[in-house]
């Protein structure tokens, strides 16, 4: 069969009800191209390869799992990208959907990678450690609201779908899990440019206990820093607040 590799954060989903719920969550948004991240032993993959008129690909780093998948599901020939997701080029031309039981040790990095393709990604349904899912979905004023909340929600609407019990996996992880769905915002957020927006957000939350005035003073002229909004802390600002502030940056 195959072995589980702790170094790759492998916890394989085996609960068929959860698998079907994930597939149903993906099918609620029409798509023609689908990328699965970390198919592992194929718990979800077996459902995706049955979908009609879908250009399907899966990205898997573990050579042993690639061999297992190809033997078990011969139709996956030429559909598996044997690399780390963090190293691959954009897998399709045009719009595509991303799904996966994401390796928890790189799940935030996966989201930041997806941000690079935000113009072409039409939907993401992913399994995350519960705390990460909550951070991605958090709103301003919440203690879990941070860099990843703002940067993801600047481009995507986030739906916290459902939680998954540890016993649905082999081996059971030591953390709770949750499924979230990301869909592109209907209207793009207005900011000066992505570079300024990312810099402002990361700088603000780097010293989140300080007022914004002290945390981001290097990015603004003194006269701009007199505005009352700089009396707030980063977690009190909405995504629109951050976006608007980029137009006042040096």
C-alpha atoms as a PDB file:
ATOM      1  CA  UNK A   1       0.000   0.000   0.000  1.00  0.00           C
ATOM      2  CA  UNK A   2       1.767   3.149   1.223  1.00  0.00           C
ATOM      3  CA  UNK A   3       3.321   4.710   4.310  1.00  0.00           C
ATOM      4  CA  UNK A   4       2.421   7.949   6.055  1.00  0.00           C
ATOM      5  CA  UNK A   5       5.120  10.599   6.251  1.00  0.00           C
ATOM      6  CA  UNK A   6       4.992  12.919   9.253  1.00  0.00           C
ATOM      7  CA  UNK A   7       7.578  15.180   7.609  1.00  0.00           C
ATOM      8  CA  UNK A   8       4.999  16.012   4.928  1.00  0.00           C
ATOM      9  CA  UNK A   9       2.190  16.544   7.431  1.00  0.00           C
ATOM     10  CA  UNK A  10       0.223  13.619   6.039  1.00  0.00           C
ATOM     11  CA  UNK A  11      -3.154  12.889   7.638  1.00  0.00           C
ATOM     12  CA  UNK A  12      -5.366  11.059   5.178  1.00  0.00           C
ATOM     13  CA  UNK A  13      -9.111  11.609   5.110  1.00  0.00           C
ATOM     14  CA  UNK A  14     -11.089   8.361   5.206  1.00  0.00           C
ATOM     15  CA  UNK A  15     -14.625   9.463   6.149  1.00  0.00           C
ATOM     16  CA  UNK A  16     -16.719   9.128   2.990  1.00  0.00           C
ATOM     17  CA  UNK A  17     -19.453  11.468   4.262  1.00  0.00           C
ATOM     18  CA  UNK A  18     -16.899  14.260   4.669  1.00  0.00           C
ATOM     19  CA  UNK A  19     -15.430  13.478   1.244  1.00  0.00           C
ATOM     20  CA  UNK A  20     -18.861  13.784  -0.357  1.00  0.00           C
ATOM     21  CA  UNK A  21     -19.545  17.051   1.496  1.00  0.00           C
ATOM     22  CA  UNK A  22     -16.297  18.517   0.151  1.00  0.00           C
ATOM     23  CA  UNK A  23     -17.138  17.415  -3.388  1.00  0.00           C
ATOM     24  CA  UNK A  24     -20.630  18.920  -3.034  1.00  0.00           C
ATOM     25  CA  UNK A  25     -19.091  22.181  -1.815  1.00  0.00           C
ATOM     26  CA  UNK A  26     -16.944  22.347  -4.938  1.00  0.00           C
ATOM     27  CA  UNK A  27     -19.796  21.490  -7.324  1.00  0.00           C
ATOM     28  CA  UNK A  28     -21.901  24.426  -6.106  1.00  0.00           C
ATOM     29  CA  UNK A  29     -19.710  26.653  -8.285  1.00  0.00           C
ATOM     30  CA  UNK A  30     -19.415  25.619 -11.954  1.00  0.00           C
ATOM     31  CA  UNK A  31     -15.874  24.952 -13.216  1.00  0.00           C
ATOM     32  CA  UNK A  32     -14.094  23.314 -16.137  1.00  0.00           C
ATOM     33  CA  UNK A  33     -10.576  23.024 -14.731  1.00  0.00           C
ATOM     34  CA  UNK A  34      -9.772  21.582 -11.303  1.00  0.00           C
ATOM     35  CA  UNK A  35      -6.510  21.294  -9.385  1.00  0.00           C
ATOM     36  CA  UNK A  36      -6.311  19.042  -6.327  1.00  0.00           C
ATOM     37  CA  UNK A  37      -3.507  19.812  -3.892  1.00  0.00           C
ATOM     38  CA  UNK A  38      -2.088  16.838  -2.003  1.00  0.00           C
ATOM     39  CA  UNK A  39      -4.307  13.963  -3.193  1.00  0.00           C
ATOM     40  CA  UNK A  40      -2.475  11.510  -0.925  1.00  0.00           C
ATOM     41  CA  UNK A  41      -4.214   8.136  -1.194  1.00  0.00           C
ATOM     42  CA  UNK A  42      -7.012   9.491  -3.379  1.00  0.00           C
ATOM     43  CA  UNK A  43      -9.898   9.855  -0.899  1.00  0.00           C
ATOM     44  CA  UNK A  44     -11.172  12.885  -2.810  1.00  0.00           C
ATOM     45  CA  UNK A  45      -9.474  12.144  -6.112  1.00  0.00           C
ATOM     46  CA  UNK A  46     -11.682   9.143  -6.838  1.00  0.00           C
ATOM     47  CA  UNK A  47     -14.687  11.485  -6.936  1.00  0.00           C
ATOM     48  CA  UNK A  48     -13.000  14.134  -9.067  1.00  0.00           C
ATOM     49  CA  UNK A  49     -11.903  11.778 -11.837  1.00  0.00           C
ATOM     50  CA  UNK A  50     -15.549  10.763 -12.287  1.00  0.00           C
ATOM     51  CA  UNK A  51     -16.652  14.328 -13.061  1.00  0.00           C
ATOM     52  CA  UNK A  52     -17.546  14.755 -16.714  1.00  0.00           C
ATOM     53  CA  UNK A  53     -16.008  17.358 -19.028  1.00  0.00           C
ATOM     54  CA  UNK A  54     -13.497  18.493 -16.398  1.00  0.00           C
ATOM     55  CA  UNK A  55      -9.798  19.087 -17.035  1.00  0.00           C
ATOM     56  CA  UNK A  56      -8.394  17.605 -13.816  1.00  0.00           C
ATOM     57  CA  UNK A  57      -4.859  17.726 -12.420  1.00  0.00           C
ATOM     58  CA  UNK A  58      -3.399  16.817  -9.037  1.00  0.00           C
ATOM     59  CA  UNK A  59      -0.139  18.015  -7.498  1.00  0.00           C
ATOM     60  CA  UNK A  60       1.638  15.582  -5.170  1.00  0.00           C
ATOM     61  CA  UNK A  61       5.182  15.784  -3.767  1.00  0.00           C
ATOM     62  CA  UNK A  62       5.449  12.262  -2.332  1.00  0.00           C
ATOM     63  CA  UNK A  63       6.769   9.833  -4.970  1.00  0.00           C
ATOM     64  CA  UNK A  64       5.284   6.836  -3.154  1.00  0.00           C
ATOM     65  CA  UNK A  65       1.806   8.396  -3.258  1.00  0.00           C
ATOM     66  CA  UNK A  66       2.220   9.261  -6.940  1.00  0.00           C
ATOM     67  CA  UNK A  67       3.041   5.629  -7.694  1.00  0.00           C
ATOM     68  CA  UNK A  68       0.087   4.426  -5.587  1.00  0.00           C
ATOM     69  CA  UNK A  69      -2.348   6.802  -7.302  1.00  0.00           C
ATOM     70  CA  UNK A  70      -1.226   5.820 -10.783  1.00  0.00           C
ATOM     71  CA  UNK A  71      -1.591   2.105  -9.996  1.00  0.00           C
ATOM     72  CA  UNK A  72      -4.976   2.550  -8.293  1.00  0.00           C
ATOM     73  CA  UNK A  73      -6.446   5.065 -10.758  1.00  0.00           C
ATOM     74  CA  UNK A  74      -4.861   4.521 -14.195  1.00  0.00           C
ATOM     75  CA  UNK A  75      -6.904   7.400 -15.639  1.00  0.00           C
ATOM     76  CA  UNK A  76      -4.592   9.760 -13.706  1.00  0.00           C
ATOM     77  CA  UNK A  77      -1.805   9.118 -16.213  1.00  0.00           C
ATOM     78  CA  UNK A  78      -0.372  12.510 -17.287  1.00  0.00           C
ATOM     79  CA  UNK A  79      -2.636  14.293 -14.777  1.00  0.00           C
ATOM     80  CA  UNK A  80      -0.307  14.269 -11.751  1.00  0.00           C
ATOM     81  CA  UNK A  81       2.215  17.048 -11.200  1.00  0.00           C
ATOM     82  CA  UNK A  82       5.001  15.466  -9.145  1.00  0.00           C
ATOM     83  CA  UNK A  83       6.251  18.570  -7.312  1.00  0.00           C
ATOM     84  CA  UNK A  84       5.690  20.653  -4.234  1.00  0.00           C
ATOM     85  CA  UNK A  85       2.672  22.892  -4.756  1.00  0.00           C
ATOM     86  CA  UNK A  86       4.824  25.819  -3.635  1.00  0.00           C
ATOM     87  CA  UNK A  87       7.167  25.301  -6.601  1.00  0.00           C
ATOM     88  CA  UNK A  88       4.759  24.725  -9.484  1.00  0.00           C
ATOM     89  CA  UNK A  89       3.906  27.110 -12.280  1.00  0.00           C
ATOM     90  CA  UNK A  90       0.270  28.025 -12.826  1.00  0.00           C
ATOM     91  CA  UNK A  91      -1.242  24.645 -13.806  1.00  0.00           C
ATOM     92  CA  UNK A  92      -3.833  25.820 -16.339  1.00  0.00           C
ATOM     93  CA  UNK A  93      -4.463  28.540 -18.847  1.00  0.00           C
ATOM     94  CA  UNK A  94      -7.617  30.477 -17.965  1.00  0.00           C
ATOM     95  CA  UNK A  95      -9.873  30.062 -14.938  1.00  0.00           C
ATOM     96  CA  UNK A  96      -9.560  27.110 -12.573  1.00  0.00           C
ATOM     97  CA  UNK A  97     -10.709  25.849  -9.163  1.00  0.00           C
ATOM     98  CA  UNK A  98      -8.459  24.580  -6.345  1.00  0.00           C
ATOM     99  CA  UNK A  99      -9.396  21.906  -3.813  1.00  0.00           C
ATOM    100  CA  UNK A 100      -7.549  19.855  -1.253  1.00  0.00           C
ATOM    101  CA  UNK A 101      -6.925  18.453   2.176  1.00  0.00           C
ATOM    102  CA  UNK A 102      -4.011  20.850   2.415  1.00  0.00           C
ATOM    103  CA  UNK A 103      -0.861  19.763   4.301  1.00  0.00           C
ATOM    104  CA  UNK A 104      -1.219  21.730   7.533  1.00  0.00           C
ATOM    105  CA  UNK A 105       2.472  22.535   7.790  1.00  0.00           C
ATOM    106  CA  UNK A 106       2.346  24.645   4.600  1.00  0.00           C
ATOM    107  CA  UNK A 107      -1.340  25.600   4.426  1.00  0.00           C
ATOM    108  CA  UNK A 108      -0.804  29.357   4.862  1.00  0.00           C
ATOM    109  CA  UNK A 109       1.962  29.261   2.249  1.00  0.00           C
ATOM    110  CA  UNK A 110      -0.473  27.521  -0.097  1.00  0.00           C
ATOM    111  CA  UNK A 111      -2.921  30.397   0.307  1.00  0.00           C
ATOM    112  CA  UNK A 112      -0.242  32.996  -0.368  1.00  0.00           C
ATOM    113  CA  UNK A 113       0.744  31.054  -3.493  1.00  0.00           C
ATOM    114  CA  UNK A 114      -2.895  31.054  -4.641  1.00  0.00           C
ATOM    115  CA  UNK A 115      -2.944  34.832  -4.140  1.00  0.00           C
ATOM    116  CA  UNK A 116      -0.347  35.087  -6.918  1.00  0.00           C
ATOM    117  CA  UNK A 117      -2.938  33.540  -9.260  1.00  0.00           C
ATOM    118  CA  UNK A 118      -5.947  35.405  -7.852  1.00  0.00           C
ATOM    119  CA  UNK A 119      -7.099  36.645 -11.272  1.00  0.00           C
ATOM    120  CA  UNK A 120      -7.548  33.068 -12.538  1.00  0.00           C
ATOM    121  CA  UNK A 121      -8.674  31.196  -9.409  1.00  0.00           C
ATOM    122  CA  UNK A 122     -12.491  31.048  -9.462  1.00  0.00           C
ATOM    123  CA  UNK A 123     -12.991  29.047  -6.256  1.00  0.00           C
ATOM    124  CA  UNK A 124     -10.996  27.334  -3.494  1.00  0.00           C
ATOM    125  CA  UNK A 125     -12.326  24.683  -1.140  1.00  0.00           C
ATOM    126  CA  UNK A 126      -9.747  23.562   1.374  1.00  0.00           C
ATOM    127  CA  UNK A 127      -9.281  21.618   4.578  1.00  0.00           C
ATOM    128  CA  UNK A 128      -7.232  23.534   7.135  1.00  0.00           C
ATOM    129  CA  UNK A 129      -6.275  23.336  10.759  1.00  0.00           C
ATOM    130  CA  UNK A 130      -9.284  24.885  12.522  1.00  0.00           C
ATOM    131  CA  UNK A 131      -7.272  27.803  13.931  1.00  0.00           C
ATOM    132  CA  UNK A 132      -5.934  28.677  10.460  1.00  0.00           C
ATOM    133  CA  UNK A 133      -9.426  28.502   8.937  1.00  0.00           C
ATOM    134  CA  UNK A 134     -10.692  30.820  11.667  1.00  0.00           C
ATOM    135  CA  UNK A 135      -7.875  33.316  11.003  1.00  0.00           C
ATOM    136  CA  UNK A 136      -8.600  33.346   7.284  1.00  0.00           C
ATOM    137  CA  UNK A 137     -12.295  34.026   7.933  1.00  0.00           C
ATOM    138  CA  UNK A 138     -11.848  36.487  10.848  1.00  0.00           C
ATOM    139  CA  UNK A 139     -13.259  40.010  10.736  1.00  0.00           C
ATOM    140  CA  UNK A 140     -11.766  43.195  12.189  1.00  0.00           C
ATOM    141  CA  UNK A 141     -11.988  43.483  15.959  1.00  0.00           C
ATOM    142  CA  UNK A 142     -11.446  39.737  16.386  1.00  0.00           C
ATOM    143  CA  UNK A 143      -8.233  38.657  18.117  1.00  0.00           C
ATOM    144  CA  UNK A 144      -7.605  36.111  15.335  1.00  0.00           C
ATOM    145  CA  UNK A 145      -7.813  38.842  12.650  1.00  0.00           C
ATOM    146  CA  UNK A 146      -4.385  39.308  11.102  1.00  0.00           C
ATOM    147  CA  UNK A 147      -2.260  39.461   7.975  1.00  0.00           C
ATOM    148  CA  UNK A 148      -3.750  36.399   6.303  1.00  0.00           C
ATOM    149  CA  UNK A 149      -7.310  37.551   7.103  1.00  0.00           C
ATOM    150  CA  UNK A 150      -6.775  40.898   5.381  1.00  0.00           C
ATOM    151  CA  UNK A 151      -4.745  39.721   2.396  1.00  0.00           C
ATOM    152  CA  UNK A 152      -7.065  36.826   1.527  1.00  0.00           C
ATOM    153  CA  UNK A 153     -10.279  38.781   2.095  1.00  0.00           C
ATOM    154  CA  UNK A 154      -8.993  41.633  -0.050  1.00  0.00           C
ATOM    155  CA  UNK A 155      -9.438  39.308  -3.033  1.00  0.00           C
ATOM    156  CA  UNK A 156     -11.851  36.589  -1.874  1.00  0.00           C
ATOM    157  CA  UNK A 157     -15.072  36.228   0.091  1.00  0.00           C
ATOM    158  CA  UNK A 158     -14.501  33.550   2.735  1.00  0.00           C
ATOM    159  CA  UNK A 159     -17.137  31.047   3.860  1.00  0.00           C
ATOM    160  CA  UNK A 160     -16.468  28.925   6.946  1.00  0.00           C
ATOM    161  CA  UNK A 161     -18.319  25.785   5.871  1.00  0.00           C
ATOM    162  CA  UNK A 162     -17.969  23.054   8.498  1.00  0.00           C
ATOM    163  CA  UNK A 163     -15.613  21.401  10.963  1.00  0.00           C
ATOM    164  CA  UNK A 164     -14.146  17.914  10.725  1.00  0.00           C
ATOM    165  CA  UNK A 165     -13.533  15.540  13.634  1.00  0.00           C
ATOM    166  CA  UNK A 166     -10.015  14.185  14.172  1.00  0.00           C
ATOM    167  CA  UNK A 167     -11.292  10.608  13.827  1.00  0.00           C
ATOM    168  CA  UNK A 168     -12.120  11.237  10.165  1.00  0.00           C
ATOM    169  CA  UNK A 169      -8.364  10.974   9.438  1.00  0.00           C
ATOM    170  CA  UNK A 170      -5.642   8.342   9.506  1.00  0.00           C
ATOM    171  CA  UNK A 171      -3.714   8.987  11.675  1.00  0.00           C
ATOM    172  CA  UNK A 172      -5.953  11.364  13.683  1.00  0.00           C
ATOM    173  CA  UNK A 173      -4.269  14.792  13.852  1.00  0.00           C
ATOM    174  CA  UNK A 174      -3.741  16.473  17.220  1.00  0.00           C
ATOM    175  CA  UNK A 175      -5.624  19.544  16.014  1.00  0.00           C
ATOM    176  CA  UNK A 176      -9.174  20.289  14.942  1.00  0.00           C
ATOM    177  CA  UNK A 177      -9.896  20.757  11.223  1.00  0.00           C
ATOM    178  CA  UNK A 178     -12.287  22.895   9.219  1.00  0.00           C
ATOM    179  CA  UNK A 179     -13.350  23.418   5.614  1.00  0.00           C
ATOM    180  CA  UNK A 180     -13.504  26.896   4.114  1.00  0.00           C
ATOM    181  CA  UNK A 181     -14.504  28.105   0.657  1.00  0.00           C
ATOM    182  CA  UNK A 182     -13.048  31.159  -1.055  1.00  0.00           C
ATOM    183  CA  UNK A 183     -14.699  32.888  -3.988  1.00  0.00           C
ATOM    184  CA  UNK A 184     -13.448  36.007  -5.781  1.00  0.00           C
ATOM    185  CA  UNK A 185     -14.982  39.282  -4.675  1.00  0.00           C
ATOM    186  CA  UNK A 186     -17.625  40.615  -7.040  1.00  0.00           C
ATOM    187  CA  UNK A 187     -15.912  43.998  -7.013  1.00  0.00           C
ATOM    188  CA  UNK A 188     -12.169  44.457  -6.738  1.00  0.00           C
ATOM    189  CA  UNK A 189     -10.846  46.381  -3.766  1.00  0.00           C
ATOM    190  CA  UNK A 190      -9.389  49.779  -4.636  1.00  0.00           C
ATOM    191  CA  UNK A 191      -5.809  50.339  -3.487  1.00  0.00           C
ATOM    192  CA  UNK A 192      -2.772  52.121  -4.897  1.00  0.00           C
ATOM    193  CA  UNK A 193      -1.085  48.833  -5.859  1.00  0.00           C
ATOM    194  CA  UNK A 194      -0.658  45.332  -4.455  1.00  0.00           C
ATOM    195  CA  UNK A 195       2.919  45.943  -3.323  1.00  0.00           C
ATOM    196  CA  UNK A 196       1.906  48.924  -1.161  1.00  0.00           C
ATOM    197  CA  UNK A 197      -1.133  47.095   0.215  1.00  0.00           C
ATOM    198  CA  UNK A 198       0.840  43.980   1.195  1.00  0.00           C
ATOM    199  CA  UNK A 199       3.620  46.094   2.763  1.00  0.00           C
ATOM    200  CA  UNK A 200       1.179  48.170   4.815  1.00  0.00           C
ATOM    201  CA  UNK A 201      -0.749  45.170   6.130  1.00  0.00           C
ATOM    202  CA  UNK A 202       2.349  43.160   7.056  1.00  0.00           C
ATOM    203  CA  UNK A 203       4.016  46.171   8.720  1.00  0.00           C
ATOM    204  CA  UNK A 204       0.878  47.057  10.687  1.00  0.00           C
ATOM    205  CA  UNK A 205       0.413  43.560  12.106  1.00  0.00           C
ATOM    206  CA  UNK A 206       4.117  43.032  12.742  1.00  0.00           C
ATOM    207  CA  UNK A 207       3.663  45.220  15.834  1.00  0.00           C
ATOM    208  CA  UNK A 208      -0.046  44.694  16.380  1.00  0.00           C
ATOM    209  CA  UNK A 209      -0.006  45.813  20.023  1.00  0.00           C
ATOM    210  CA  UNK A 210       1.172  49.265  19.036  1.00  0.00           C
ATOM    211  CA  UNK A 211      -1.039  51.973  17.621  1.00  0.00           C
ATOM    212  CA  UNK A 212      -0.959  52.184  13.854  1.00  0.00           C
ATOM    213  CA  UNK A 213       0.891  55.494  14.155  1.00  0.00           C
ATOM    214  CA  UNK A 214       3.854  53.793  15.828  1.00  0.00           C
ATOM    215  CA  UNK A 215       3.691  50.565  13.838  1.00  0.00           C
ATOM    216  CA  UNK A 216       3.707  52.069  10.333  1.00  0.00           C
ATOM    217  CA  UNK A 217       5.308  55.498  10.847  1.00  0.00           C
ATOM    218  CA  UNK A 218       8.086  54.692   8.371  1.00  0.00           C
ATOM    219  CA  UNK A 219       5.517  54.390   5.560  1.00  0.00           C
ATOM    220  CA  UNK A 220       3.819  57.798   5.928  1.00  0.00           C
ATOM    221  CA  UNK A 221       4.765  61.471   6.174  1.00  0.00           C
ATOM    222  CA  UNK A 222       4.313  63.128   9.569  1.00  0.00           C
ATOM    223  CA  UNK A 223       1.362  65.256   8.487  1.00  0.00           C
ATOM    224  CA  UNK A 224      -0.536  62.140   7.314  1.00  0.00           C
ATOM    225  CA  UNK A 225       0.096  60.370  10.636  1.00  0.00           C
ATOM    226  CA  UNK A 226      -1.924  63.068  12.436  1.00  0.00           C
ATOM    227  CA  UNK A 227      -5.159  61.533  11.144  1.00  0.00           C
ATOM    228  CA  UNK A 228      -7.279  59.932  13.887  1.00  0.00           C
ATOM    229  CA  UNK A 229      -7.271  56.537  12.179  1.00  0.00           C
ATOM    230  CA  UNK A 230      -3.645  56.130  13.258  1.00  0.00           C
ATOM    231  CA  UNK A 231      -4.815  56.067  16.903  1.00  0.00           C
ATOM    232  CA  UNK A 232      -6.232  52.597  16.199  1.00  0.00           C
ATOM    233  CA  UNK A 233      -4.430  49.263  16.253  1.00  0.00           C
ATOM    234  CA  UNK A 234      -4.120  47.105  13.165  1.00  0.00           C
ATOM    235  CA  UNK A 235      -6.820  44.645  14.263  1.00  0.00           C
ATOM    236  CA  UNK A 236      -9.360  47.505  14.452  1.00  0.00           C
ATOM    237  CA  UNK A 237      -9.007  48.458  10.782  1.00  0.00           C
ATOM    238  CA  UNK A 238     -11.244  47.020   8.092  1.00  0.00           C
ATOM    239  CA  UNK A 239      -9.847  45.776   4.808  1.00  0.00           C
ATOM    240  CA  UNK A 240     -11.249  48.900   3.137  1.00  0.00           C
ATOM    241  CA  UNK A 241      -9.417  51.049   5.710  1.00  0.00           C
ATOM    242  CA  UNK A 242      -6.098  49.422   4.788  1.00  0.00           C
ATOM    243  CA  UNK A 243      -6.850  49.795   1.089  1.00  0.00           C
ATOM    244  CA  UNK A 244      -7.715  53.477   1.433  1.00  0.00           C
ATOM    245  CA  UNK A 245      -4.565  54.201   3.434  1.00  0.00           C
ATOM    246  CA  UNK A 246      -2.333  52.968   0.605  1.00  0.00           C
ATOM    247  CA  UNK A 247      -3.137  56.134  -1.342  1.00  0.00           C
ATOM    248  CA  UNK A 248      -1.545  58.206   1.445  1.00  0.00           C
ATOM    249  CA  UNK A 249       1.699  56.186   1.667  1.00  0.00           C
ATOM    250  CA  UNK A 250       5.044  57.693   0.737  1.00  0.00           C
END
